[in-house]
N, C-alpha and C. Protein backbone atom coordinates (compact mmCIF):
# COMPACT_ATOMS: atom_id res chain seq x y z
N MET A 1 13.92 -22.21 11.85
CA MET A 1 12.68 -21.54 11.52
C MET A 1 12.27 -21.91 10.09
N THR A 2 11.08 -22.38 9.92
CA THR A 2 10.58 -22.80 8.62
C THR A 2 10.05 -21.59 7.85
N THR A 3 10.42 -21.51 6.58
CA THR A 3 9.92 -20.47 5.70
C THR A 3 9.10 -21.11 4.60
N THR A 4 7.89 -20.60 4.41
CA THR A 4 6.99 -21.11 3.38
C THR A 4 6.67 -20.00 2.41
N GLN A 5 6.84 -20.27 1.12
CA GLN A 5 6.48 -19.25 0.13
C GLN A 5 4.98 -19.30 -0.08
N ILE A 6 4.34 -18.15 0.08
CA ILE A 6 2.90 -18.03 -0.04
C ILE A 6 2.50 -17.59 -1.45
N LEU A 7 3.24 -16.62 -2.01
CA LEU A 7 2.98 -16.12 -3.36
C LEU A 7 4.28 -16.06 -4.15
N THR A 8 4.22 -16.46 -5.41
CA THR A 8 5.37 -16.36 -6.31
C THR A 8 5.36 -14.99 -6.98
N ALA A 9 6.40 -14.69 -7.72
CA ALA A 9 6.48 -13.42 -8.45
C ALA A 9 5.32 -13.27 -9.42
N ASP A 10 4.97 -14.32 -10.14
CA ASP A 10 3.85 -14.26 -11.08
C ASP A 10 2.53 -14.03 -10.37
N GLN A 11 2.34 -14.69 -9.24
CA GLN A 11 1.11 -14.49 -8.48
C GLN A 11 1.02 -13.07 -7.92
N ILE A 12 2.15 -12.52 -7.49
CA ILE A 12 2.17 -11.14 -7.01
C ILE A 12 1.77 -10.19 -8.13
N GLN A 13 2.30 -10.41 -9.33
CA GLN A 13 1.96 -9.55 -10.45
C GLN A 13 0.47 -9.63 -10.77
N GLN A 14 -0.11 -10.82 -10.68
CA GLN A 14 -1.56 -10.97 -10.88
C GLN A 14 -2.34 -10.19 -9.84
N LYS A 15 -1.90 -10.25 -8.59
CA LYS A 15 -2.57 -9.52 -7.50
C LYS A 15 -2.48 -8.01 -7.73
N ILE A 16 -1.31 -7.55 -8.15
CA ILE A 16 -1.12 -6.12 -8.40
C ILE A 16 -2.03 -5.66 -9.54
N ARG A 17 -2.11 -6.44 -10.58
CA ARG A 17 -2.97 -6.08 -11.72
C ARG A 17 -4.44 -6.04 -11.29
N ARG A 18 -4.86 -7.01 -10.48
CA ARG A 18 -6.24 -7.03 -10.00
C ARG A 18 -6.52 -5.83 -9.11
N ILE A 19 -5.59 -5.47 -8.23
CA ILE A 19 -5.76 -4.29 -7.39
C ILE A 19 -5.87 -3.04 -8.27
N ALA A 20 -5.04 -2.96 -9.31
CA ALA A 20 -5.10 -1.81 -10.22
C ALA A 20 -6.48 -1.68 -10.85
N PHE A 21 -7.04 -2.78 -11.30
CA PHE A 21 -8.39 -2.74 -11.88
C PHE A 21 -9.42 -2.32 -10.83
N GLN A 22 -9.26 -2.77 -9.60
CA GLN A 22 -10.19 -2.38 -8.53
C GLN A 22 -10.09 -0.88 -8.25
N VAL A 23 -8.86 -0.37 -8.20
CA VAL A 23 -8.67 1.08 -7.98
C VAL A 23 -9.32 1.85 -9.12
N TYR A 24 -9.10 1.40 -10.35
CA TYR A 24 -9.70 2.06 -11.51
C TYR A 24 -11.22 2.02 -11.45
N GLU A 25 -11.79 0.85 -11.19
CA GLU A 25 -13.24 0.70 -11.13
C GLU A 25 -13.86 1.58 -10.04
N THR A 26 -13.19 1.68 -8.92
CA THR A 26 -13.71 2.47 -7.81
C THR A 26 -13.58 3.97 -8.07
N ASN A 27 -12.59 4.36 -8.84
CA ASN A 27 -12.29 5.78 -9.05
C ASN A 27 -12.38 6.20 -10.52
N PHE A 28 -13.20 5.51 -11.31
CA PHE A 28 -13.23 5.76 -12.76
C PHE A 28 -13.61 7.19 -13.12
N ALA A 29 -14.36 7.89 -12.27
CA ALA A 29 -14.80 9.25 -12.58
C ALA A 29 -13.79 10.31 -12.15
N GLU A 30 -12.71 9.91 -11.53
CA GLU A 30 -11.71 10.85 -11.03
C GLU A 30 -10.77 11.30 -12.15
N ALA A 31 -10.25 12.51 -12.01
CA ALA A 31 -9.27 13.02 -12.96
C ALA A 31 -7.85 12.71 -12.50
N HIS A 32 -7.68 12.46 -11.20
CA HIS A 32 -6.35 12.31 -10.63
C HIS A 32 -6.42 11.41 -9.41
N VAL A 33 -5.50 10.48 -9.30
CA VAL A 33 -5.37 9.62 -8.12
C VAL A 33 -3.93 9.68 -7.66
N LEU A 34 -3.76 9.89 -6.36
CA LEU A 34 -2.42 9.96 -5.77
C LEU A 34 -2.16 8.64 -5.04
N LEU A 35 -1.09 7.96 -5.41
CA LEU A 35 -0.66 6.74 -4.72
C LEU A 35 0.43 7.12 -3.74
N ALA A 36 0.21 6.84 -2.46
CA ALA A 36 1.18 7.15 -1.42
C ALA A 36 1.72 5.84 -0.86
N GLY A 37 2.94 5.48 -1.24
CA GLY A 37 3.53 4.22 -0.82
C GLY A 37 4.39 4.39 0.42
N VAL A 38 4.20 3.49 1.37
CA VAL A 38 5.03 3.50 2.59
C VAL A 38 6.42 3.02 2.20
N ALA A 39 7.44 3.77 2.60
CA ALA A 39 8.84 3.48 2.24
C ALA A 39 9.17 2.01 2.46
N GLY A 40 9.97 1.48 1.56
CA GLY A 40 10.33 0.07 1.58
C GLY A 40 9.52 -0.66 0.54
N GLU A 41 9.09 -1.86 0.86
CA GLU A 41 8.34 -2.67 -0.10
C GLU A 41 6.98 -2.06 -0.41
N GLY A 42 6.43 -1.28 0.51
CA GLY A 42 5.16 -0.60 0.23
C GLY A 42 5.29 0.40 -0.91
N PHE A 43 6.41 1.11 -0.95
CA PHE A 43 6.63 2.06 -2.04
C PHE A 43 6.88 1.33 -3.36
N VAL A 44 7.61 0.21 -3.31
CA VAL A 44 7.83 -0.59 -4.52
C VAL A 44 6.49 -1.09 -5.04
N LEU A 45 5.62 -1.52 -4.15
CA LEU A 45 4.28 -1.95 -4.55
C LEU A 45 3.51 -0.79 -5.18
N ALA A 46 3.60 0.40 -4.60
CA ALA A 46 2.93 1.57 -5.16
C ALA A 46 3.46 1.90 -6.56
N GLN A 47 4.77 1.77 -6.76
CA GLN A 47 5.35 2.01 -8.09
C GLN A 47 4.78 1.04 -9.12
N ARG A 48 4.70 -0.21 -8.73
CA ARG A 48 4.19 -1.23 -9.66
C ARG A 48 2.70 -1.05 -9.91
N LEU A 49 1.99 -0.62 -8.90
CA LEU A 49 0.57 -0.32 -9.05
C LEU A 49 0.37 0.88 -9.98
N ALA A 50 1.23 1.88 -9.84
CA ALA A 50 1.17 3.06 -10.72
C ALA A 50 1.44 2.65 -12.17
N ASP A 51 2.39 1.76 -12.38
CA ASP A 51 2.68 1.27 -13.74
C ASP A 51 1.46 0.58 -14.34
N GLU A 52 0.80 -0.25 -13.56
CA GLU A 52 -0.40 -0.95 -14.05
C GLU A 52 -1.53 0.05 -14.33
N LEU A 53 -1.74 1.00 -13.43
CA LEU A 53 -2.80 1.98 -13.63
C LEU A 53 -2.55 2.83 -14.87
N SER A 54 -1.29 3.14 -15.16
CA SER A 54 -0.99 3.96 -16.34
C SER A 54 -1.36 3.24 -17.62
N GLN A 55 -1.44 1.91 -17.58
CA GLN A 55 -1.82 1.13 -18.76
C GLN A 55 -3.33 1.00 -18.95
N ILE A 56 -4.09 1.13 -17.87
CA ILE A 56 -5.53 0.85 -17.97
C ILE A 56 -6.43 2.03 -17.66
N ALA A 57 -5.95 2.99 -16.89
CA ALA A 57 -6.82 4.07 -16.41
C ALA A 57 -6.55 5.39 -17.13
N PRO A 58 -7.59 6.15 -17.42
CA PRO A 58 -7.38 7.44 -18.09
C PRO A 58 -6.97 8.55 -17.13
N PHE A 59 -7.17 8.36 -15.82
CA PHE A 59 -6.82 9.43 -14.89
C PHE A 59 -5.31 9.52 -14.68
N ARG A 60 -4.89 10.70 -14.23
CA ARG A 60 -3.48 10.94 -13.94
C ARG A 60 -3.14 10.31 -12.60
N VAL A 61 -1.98 9.68 -12.53
CA VAL A 61 -1.52 9.04 -11.30
C VAL A 61 -0.25 9.74 -10.84
N THR A 62 -0.25 10.17 -9.58
CA THR A 62 0.93 10.75 -8.96
C THR A 62 1.39 9.81 -7.87
N LEU A 63 2.70 9.63 -7.76
CA LEU A 63 3.28 8.71 -6.79
C LEU A 63 4.10 9.49 -5.78
N VAL A 64 3.85 9.25 -4.49
CA VAL A 64 4.65 9.87 -3.43
C VAL A 64 5.09 8.79 -2.45
N LYS A 65 6.20 9.07 -1.77
CA LYS A 65 6.74 8.13 -0.78
C LYS A 65 6.50 8.68 0.62
N ILE A 66 6.06 7.81 1.50
CA ILE A 66 5.86 8.16 2.90
C ILE A 66 6.98 7.52 3.69
N ASP A 67 7.84 8.36 4.26
CA ASP A 67 8.96 7.86 5.07
C ASP A 67 8.58 7.91 6.53
N ILE A 68 8.46 6.73 7.14
CA ILE A 68 8.23 6.67 8.58
C ILE A 68 9.22 5.70 9.19
N ASP A 69 9.48 5.88 10.47
CA ASP A 69 10.37 4.99 11.20
C ASP A 69 9.48 4.01 11.96
N LYS A 70 9.33 2.81 11.43
CA LYS A 70 8.41 1.83 12.01
C LYS A 70 8.79 1.40 13.42
N SER A 71 10.05 1.64 13.82
CA SER A 71 10.48 1.24 15.16
C SER A 71 10.09 2.26 16.23
N GLN A 72 9.71 3.46 15.83
CA GLN A 72 9.34 4.51 16.80
C GLN A 72 7.92 4.29 17.31
N PRO A 73 7.70 4.47 18.62
CA PRO A 73 6.35 4.30 19.15
C PRO A 73 5.41 5.45 18.73
N ALA A 74 5.97 6.61 18.42
CA ALA A 74 5.20 7.75 17.92
C ALA A 74 5.97 8.36 16.77
N GLN A 75 5.28 9.03 15.89
CA GLN A 75 5.92 9.60 14.70
C GLN A 75 5.88 11.11 14.74
N PRO A 76 6.98 11.76 14.35
CA PRO A 76 6.93 13.21 14.18
C PRO A 76 6.12 13.52 12.93
N ASP A 77 5.94 14.80 12.63
CA ASP A 77 5.24 15.17 11.40
C ASP A 77 5.93 14.53 10.21
N ILE A 78 5.15 14.03 9.29
CA ILE A 78 5.67 13.36 8.11
C ILE A 78 5.49 14.30 6.93
N PRO A 79 6.58 14.87 6.42
CA PRO A 79 6.44 15.78 5.28
C PRO A 79 6.27 15.01 3.97
N LEU A 80 5.52 15.59 3.07
CA LEU A 80 5.36 15.03 1.73
C LEU A 80 5.71 16.13 0.73
N PRO A 81 7.00 16.34 0.47
CA PRO A 81 7.40 17.45 -0.39
C PRO A 81 6.89 17.33 -1.82
N THR A 82 6.57 16.11 -2.26
CA THR A 82 6.12 15.95 -3.64
C THR A 82 4.60 15.99 -3.77
N LEU A 83 3.88 16.24 -2.68
CA LEU A 83 2.43 16.34 -2.74
C LEU A 83 2.05 17.60 -3.50
N PRO A 84 1.23 17.47 -4.55
CA PRO A 84 0.82 18.65 -5.30
C PRO A 84 0.12 19.67 -4.39
N ALA A 85 0.42 20.93 -4.59
CA ALA A 85 -0.17 21.99 -3.76
C ALA A 85 -1.70 21.95 -3.88
N HIS A 86 -2.36 22.06 -2.76
CA HIS A 86 -3.82 22.10 -2.70
C HIS A 86 -4.48 20.88 -3.34
N TYR A 87 -3.85 19.73 -3.18
CA TYR A 87 -4.41 18.50 -3.75
C TYR A 87 -5.75 18.19 -3.08
N ALA A 88 -6.76 17.91 -3.88
CA ALA A 88 -8.09 17.65 -3.33
C ALA A 88 -8.71 16.37 -3.91
N GLY A 89 -7.91 15.50 -4.48
CA GLY A 89 -8.44 14.28 -5.10
C GLY A 89 -8.42 13.08 -4.18
N VAL A 90 -8.32 11.92 -4.81
CA VAL A 90 -8.31 10.64 -4.11
C VAL A 90 -6.87 10.27 -3.74
N VAL A 91 -6.70 9.76 -2.53
CA VAL A 91 -5.42 9.23 -2.08
C VAL A 91 -5.59 7.74 -1.85
N VAL A 92 -4.69 6.95 -2.43
CA VAL A 92 -4.65 5.52 -2.14
C VAL A 92 -3.34 5.27 -1.40
N LEU A 93 -3.45 4.96 -0.13
CA LEU A 93 -2.30 4.67 0.71
C LEU A 93 -1.92 3.20 0.47
N VAL A 94 -0.64 2.94 0.15
CA VAL A 94 -0.21 1.60 -0.26
C VAL A 94 0.88 1.08 0.67
N ASP A 95 0.69 -0.15 1.16
CA ASP A 95 1.74 -0.82 1.93
C ASP A 95 1.72 -2.30 1.58
N ASP A 96 2.82 -2.98 1.89
CA ASP A 96 2.92 -4.38 1.52
C ASP A 96 2.04 -5.28 2.39
N VAL A 97 2.07 -5.07 3.72
CA VAL A 97 1.33 -5.94 4.64
C VAL A 97 0.53 -5.10 5.62
N LEU A 98 -0.72 -5.46 5.82
CA LEU A 98 -1.54 -4.87 6.88
C LEU A 98 -1.60 -5.89 8.00
N ASN A 99 -0.98 -5.54 9.13
CA ASN A 99 -0.97 -6.42 10.28
C ASN A 99 -1.84 -5.81 11.36
N SER A 100 -1.28 -4.92 12.16
CA SER A 100 -2.05 -4.29 13.23
C SER A 100 -2.72 -3.00 12.77
N GLY A 101 -2.23 -2.41 11.69
CA GLY A 101 -2.77 -1.14 11.22
C GLY A 101 -1.97 0.06 11.71
N ARG A 102 -0.98 -0.16 12.56
CA ARG A 102 -0.20 0.92 13.16
C ARG A 102 0.53 1.76 12.11
N THR A 103 1.27 1.09 11.21
CA THR A 103 2.03 1.81 10.19
C THR A 103 1.11 2.64 9.32
N LEU A 104 -0.01 2.06 8.89
CA LEU A 104 -0.93 2.79 8.03
C LEU A 104 -1.62 3.92 8.78
N ALA A 105 -1.89 3.73 10.07
CA ALA A 105 -2.49 4.81 10.86
C ALA A 105 -1.54 6.00 10.92
N PHE A 106 -0.25 5.75 11.15
CA PHE A 106 0.73 6.84 11.15
C PHE A 106 0.86 7.46 9.76
N SER A 107 0.74 6.65 8.73
CA SER A 107 0.90 7.14 7.36
C SER A 107 -0.24 8.05 6.91
N LEU A 108 -1.35 8.01 7.61
CA LEU A 108 -2.48 8.90 7.29
C LEU A 108 -2.20 10.34 7.69
N GLN A 109 -1.30 10.55 8.64
CA GLN A 109 -1.05 11.87 9.24
C GLN A 109 -0.84 13.00 8.24
N PRO A 110 -0.03 12.84 7.19
CA PRO A 110 0.18 13.98 6.29
C PRO A 110 -1.07 14.38 5.51
N PHE A 111 -2.04 13.49 5.40
CA PHE A 111 -3.24 13.78 4.61
C PHE A 111 -4.36 14.39 5.44
N LEU A 112 -4.16 14.48 6.75
CA LEU A 112 -5.17 15.07 7.61
C LEU A 112 -5.24 16.58 7.47
N HIS A 113 -4.22 17.18 6.86
CA HIS A 113 -4.16 18.63 6.67
C HIS A 113 -4.40 19.03 5.22
N VAL A 114 -4.86 18.07 4.41
CA VAL A 114 -5.07 18.31 2.98
C VAL A 114 -6.53 17.97 2.67
N PRO A 115 -7.20 18.79 1.88
CA PRO A 115 -8.63 18.54 1.62
C PRO A 115 -8.87 17.45 0.58
N VAL A 116 -8.42 16.23 0.85
CA VAL A 116 -8.61 15.13 -0.10
C VAL A 116 -10.09 14.75 -0.15
N SER A 117 -10.52 14.21 -1.29
CA SER A 117 -11.93 13.81 -1.41
C SER A 117 -12.19 12.47 -0.72
N LYS A 118 -11.20 11.55 -0.77
CA LYS A 118 -11.31 10.30 -0.03
C LYS A 118 -9.94 9.64 0.07
N ILE A 119 -9.81 8.80 1.10
CA ILE A 119 -8.58 8.04 1.31
C ILE A 119 -8.94 6.57 1.28
N GLN A 120 -8.21 5.82 0.47
CA GLN A 120 -8.40 4.38 0.37
C GLN A 120 -7.07 3.71 0.70
N ILE A 121 -7.14 2.44 1.06
CA ILE A 121 -5.92 1.72 1.43
C ILE A 121 -5.81 0.46 0.57
N ALA A 122 -4.61 0.25 0.01
CA ALA A 122 -4.31 -0.94 -0.77
C ALA A 122 -3.14 -1.67 -0.13
N VAL A 123 -3.29 -2.98 0.07
CA VAL A 123 -2.22 -3.80 0.62
C VAL A 123 -2.12 -5.09 -0.20
N LEU A 124 -0.92 -5.61 -0.27
CA LEU A 124 -0.73 -6.88 -0.94
C LEU A 124 -1.22 -8.03 -0.07
N VAL A 125 -0.90 -7.98 1.23
CA VAL A 125 -1.30 -9.04 2.16
C VAL A 125 -1.99 -8.42 3.37
N ASN A 126 -3.15 -8.97 3.72
CA ASN A 126 -3.87 -8.55 4.92
C ASN A 126 -3.83 -9.70 5.91
N ARG A 127 -3.23 -9.46 7.07
CA ARG A 127 -3.07 -10.52 8.09
C ARG A 127 -4.21 -10.56 9.09
N ASN A 128 -5.04 -9.55 9.13
CA ASN A 128 -6.21 -9.54 10.02
C ASN A 128 -5.90 -9.58 11.51
N HIS A 129 -4.99 -8.73 11.96
CA HIS A 129 -4.73 -8.58 13.39
C HIS A 129 -4.90 -7.11 13.78
N PRO A 130 -6.06 -6.52 13.51
CA PRO A 130 -6.20 -5.07 13.71
C PRO A 130 -6.17 -4.66 15.18
N ARG A 131 -5.34 -3.66 15.47
CA ARG A 131 -5.34 -2.99 16.77
C ARG A 131 -5.70 -1.53 16.59
N TYR A 132 -5.65 -1.08 15.34
CA TYR A 132 -5.99 0.30 14.99
C TYR A 132 -7.19 0.23 14.03
N PRO A 133 -8.01 1.26 13.99
CA PRO A 133 -9.20 1.21 13.13
C PRO A 133 -8.86 1.45 11.66
N ILE A 134 -8.12 0.53 11.08
CA ILE A 134 -7.69 0.62 9.69
C ILE A 134 -8.22 -0.61 8.95
N ALA A 135 -8.89 -0.36 7.85
CA ALA A 135 -9.37 -1.45 7.00
C ALA A 135 -8.93 -1.18 5.57
N ALA A 136 -8.46 -2.21 4.91
CA ALA A 136 -8.00 -2.05 3.53
C ALA A 136 -9.18 -2.04 2.57
N SER A 137 -9.10 -1.13 1.60
CA SER A 137 -10.11 -1.04 0.54
C SER A 137 -9.81 -2.05 -0.56
N PHE A 138 -8.51 -2.30 -0.80
CA PHE A 138 -8.06 -3.19 -1.87
C PHE A 138 -7.03 -4.15 -1.29
N ILE A 139 -7.30 -5.44 -1.42
CA ILE A 139 -6.45 -6.46 -0.81
C ILE A 139 -6.04 -7.48 -1.87
N GLY A 140 -4.75 -7.75 -1.95
CA GLY A 140 -4.27 -8.76 -2.88
C GLY A 140 -4.48 -10.16 -2.36
N TYR A 141 -4.22 -10.38 -1.05
CA TYR A 141 -4.27 -11.73 -0.50
C TYR A 141 -4.61 -11.65 0.98
N GLU A 142 -5.61 -12.40 1.41
CA GLU A 142 -5.98 -12.50 2.83
C GLU A 142 -5.24 -13.69 3.41
N LEU A 143 -4.61 -13.49 4.56
CA LEU A 143 -3.83 -14.56 5.16
C LEU A 143 -4.07 -14.60 6.66
N ALA A 144 -4.63 -15.69 7.15
CA ALA A 144 -4.82 -15.87 8.58
C ALA A 144 -3.52 -16.39 9.18
N THR A 145 -2.97 -15.64 10.12
CA THR A 145 -1.70 -16.01 10.75
C THR A 145 -1.83 -15.90 12.26
N THR A 146 -0.86 -16.47 12.95
CA THR A 146 -0.77 -16.26 14.39
C THR A 146 0.05 -15.00 14.62
N LEU A 147 0.00 -14.47 15.81
CA LEU A 147 0.77 -13.27 16.13
C LEU A 147 2.27 -13.54 16.09
N ASN A 148 2.68 -14.81 16.28
CA ASN A 148 4.10 -15.16 16.29
C ASN A 148 4.68 -15.33 14.89
N GLU A 149 3.83 -15.48 13.89
CA GLU A 149 4.31 -15.66 12.53
C GLU A 149 4.65 -14.31 11.91
N HIS A 150 5.57 -14.34 10.96
CA HIS A 150 6.01 -13.13 10.28
C HIS A 150 5.79 -13.29 8.77
N VAL A 151 5.21 -12.27 8.16
CA VAL A 151 5.03 -12.26 6.71
C VAL A 151 6.05 -11.32 6.12
N GLU A 152 6.83 -11.83 5.18
CA GLU A 152 7.84 -11.02 4.50
C GLU A 152 7.46 -10.90 3.03
N VAL A 153 7.36 -9.66 2.56
CA VAL A 153 7.09 -9.40 1.15
C VAL A 153 8.39 -8.92 0.53
N VAL A 154 8.81 -9.58 -0.54
CA VAL A 154 10.04 -9.20 -1.26
C VAL A 154 9.63 -8.81 -2.67
N LEU A 155 9.75 -7.53 -2.98
CA LEU A 155 9.44 -7.02 -4.31
C LEU A 155 10.67 -6.41 -4.98
N SER A 156 11.61 -5.95 -4.17
CA SER A 156 12.76 -5.21 -4.70
C SER A 156 13.95 -6.09 -5.04
N ASP A 157 13.84 -7.39 -4.86
CA ASP A 157 14.91 -8.33 -5.21
C ASP A 157 14.33 -9.38 -6.16
N ALA A 158 14.57 -9.22 -7.46
CA ALA A 158 13.95 -10.09 -8.47
C ALA A 158 14.27 -11.56 -8.24
N ALA A 159 15.44 -11.86 -7.71
CA ALA A 159 15.83 -13.26 -7.50
C ALA A 159 15.01 -13.92 -6.38
N ARG A 160 14.56 -13.13 -5.40
CA ARG A 160 13.81 -13.67 -4.26
C ARG A 160 12.35 -13.23 -4.23
N GLU A 161 11.89 -12.54 -5.28
CA GLU A 161 10.54 -11.95 -5.23
C GLU A 161 9.51 -12.98 -4.82
N GLY A 162 8.69 -12.59 -3.83
CA GLY A 162 7.64 -13.47 -3.35
C GLY A 162 7.12 -12.99 -2.02
N VAL A 163 6.14 -13.71 -1.50
CA VAL A 163 5.61 -13.48 -0.15
C VAL A 163 5.92 -14.74 0.64
N TYR A 164 6.52 -14.54 1.80
CA TYR A 164 6.99 -15.66 2.62
C TYR A 164 6.39 -15.59 4.02
N LEU A 165 6.10 -16.76 4.59
CA LEU A 165 5.60 -16.87 5.95
C LEU A 165 6.63 -17.59 6.78
N ARG A 166 6.98 -16.98 7.91
CA ARG A 166 7.94 -17.60 8.83
C ARG A 166 7.32 -17.79 10.18
């Protein structure tokens, strides 16, 4: 199986910084933005995005982790114990790759019971194979792939950091 590196660590950092500026520009009038990262590389991406936002944006950024079991065909209720009580601001749902939209659709569930002002989606890579009505608001890299190809995002291993296509 051939593996091709699509983005290097430096290119990923550039994409994250650009996404941070887009989040800031879109939400400049907000007092608070909540970044909800999907467990795994999505949460690592959310952490790095939060770091960038803390350098450029005046609003407060809160980071929460969304734990879902991607292998399950349906998800039980997803608790968010770190969600501020009665949160009513902006939520930016963050994941590494948007493929079919299934993971992000499940990740929206905890916010359906909270009076948020808006929900936006940020992804590092958008593969454009939607099966669910999910569209990313902020995209680091658009990548046209076949259904048989796999995109791997590595953010948590500095020695291998990159985006790979298999």
